[in-house]
Amino acid sequence: MSSQVQFPKEFYQLMEELQVVDFVLVELTLYLDTHPEDYAAIQQFNEASYHRRILVPKVEQYMGPLQQFGHSYSGYPWNWNQAPWPWQI
C-alpha cells in the first residue's frame, strides 16, 4: 500500500517554477548550440541558470536532493532513495 505525500502549497509553486526554468535552459542550450555568438541568448541562459541555483535548495528543503553525484546535499539519514521522486509529483 502506497501513501501519498502531501507538500505545502509553496512546494508545488516552487516545483512548477523549477520545471519552467529547466525547460528554458534546455531550449536555450539547443539554440546556443547553433547560435553560439548570440550574446542576448547567453545572458538569458546565465540568468536562468542563476535562478535555478536559487530555486533548487528551496525545493530540496521539502523533498531532499534532486540530483546525485555531489550536485545536491543529503540530509541525515541518507535521503536520496526516499520517494516521491520529482517526476512522481
Protein backbone atom coordinates (compact mmCIF):
# COMPACT_ATOMS: atom_id res chain seq x y z
CA MET A 1 0.00 0.00 0.00
CA SER A 2 1.45 3.35 -1.03
CA SER A 3 0.80 6.54 0.91
CA GLN A 4 0.63 9.84 -0.95
CA VAL A 5 2.94 12.51 0.45
CA GLN A 6 1.33 15.92 0.75
CA PHE A 7 3.51 19.00 0.48
CA PRO A 8 2.61 22.60 1.33
CA LYS A 9 1.20 24.75 -1.48
CA GLU A 10 4.50 26.66 -1.68
CA PHE A 11 6.33 23.48 -2.68
CA TYR A 12 4.13 22.93 -5.73
CA GLN A 13 4.63 26.55 -6.79
CA LEU A 14 8.39 26.20 -6.45
CA MET A 15 8.39 22.89 -8.31
CA GLU A 16 6.39 24.38 -11.19
CA GLU A 17 8.77 27.35 -11.34
CA LEU A 18 11.74 24.98 -11.41
CA GLN A 19 10.20 23.00 -14.26
CA VAL A 20 9.71 26.22 -16.24
CA VAL A 21 13.32 27.28 -15.65
CA ASP A 22 14.59 23.82 -16.63
CA PHE A 23 12.57 23.99 -19.86
CA VAL A 24 14.04 27.42 -20.65
CA LEU A 25 17.55 26.10 -20.01
CA VAL A 26 17.05 23.11 -22.31
CA GLU A 27 15.65 25.29 -25.09
CA LEU A 28 18.39 27.89 -24.75
CA THR A 29 21.03 25.16 -24.75
CA LEU A 30 19.69 23.79 -28.03
CA TYR A 31 19.50 27.29 -29.52
CA LEU A 32 23.01 28.21 -28.39
CA ASP A 33 24.40 25.01 -29.91
CA THR A 34 23.55 26.52 -33.30
CA HIS A 35 23.91 30.22 -32.40
CA PRO A 36 26.97 30.30 -30.11
CA GLU A 37 27.61 34.02 -30.56
CA ASP A 38 24.12 35.25 -29.61
CA TYR A 39 25.03 37.42 -26.64
CA ALA A 40 21.43 38.07 -25.58
CA ALA A 41 20.68 34.33 -25.51
CA ILE A 42 23.81 33.72 -23.44
CA GLN A 43 22.65 36.37 -20.99
CA GLN A 44 19.21 34.72 -20.79
CA PHE A 45 20.85 31.34 -20.23
CA ASN A 46 23.04 32.70 -17.43
CA GLU A 47 20.07 34.43 -15.76
CA ALA A 48 18.01 31.23 -15.91
CA SER A 49 20.95 29.22 -14.60
CA TYR A 50 21.35 31.61 -11.67
CA HIS A 51 17.61 31.46 -10.98
CA ARG A 52 17.80 27.65 -10.94
CA ARG A 53 20.63 27.73 -8.42
CA ILE A 54 18.37 29.76 -6.11
CA LEU A 55 15.32 27.53 -6.64
CA VAL A 56 16.90 24.11 -6.19
CA PRO A 57 17.76 24.45 -2.48
CA LYS A 58 14.25 25.73 -1.78
CA VAL A 59 12.69 22.68 -3.46
CA GLU A 60 15.19 20.35 -1.78
CA GLN A 61 14.11 21.62 1.65
CA TYR A 62 10.82 19.83 1.07
CA MET A 63 11.81 16.65 -0.72
CA GLY A 64 15.53 16.07 -0.38
CA PRO A 65 18.16 16.05 -3.13
CA LEU A 66 17.13 16.47 -6.76
CA GLN A 67 20.49 15.46 -8.23
CA GLN A 68 23.12 12.92 -7.27
CA PHE A 69 26.92 12.82 -7.54
CA GLY A 70 27.57 15.78 -5.29
CA HIS A 71 25.27 18.27 -7.01
CA SER A 72 22.92 18.25 -4.02
CA TYR A 73 23.50 17.82 -0.32
CA SER A 74 21.90 14.93 1.54
CA GLY A 75 20.07 15.16 4.81
CA TYR A 76 20.60 12.69 7.61
CA PRO A 77 19.83 9.88 7.30
CA TRP A 78 20.76 9.43 3.64
CA ASN A 79 17.65 10.57 1.79
CA TRP A 80 18.50 10.10 -1.86
CA ASN A 81 16.36 6.97 -2.09
CA GLN A 82 13.22 8.41 -0.50
CA ALA A 83 10.08 8.89 -2.55
CA PRO A 84 8.46 10.75 -4.05
CA TRP A 85 10.81 11.41 -6.92
CA PRO A 86 10.39 14.77 -8.68
CA TRP A 87 8.60 13.19 -11.66
CA GLN A 88 6.12 11.44 -9.33
CA ILE A 89 4.57 14.71 -8.20
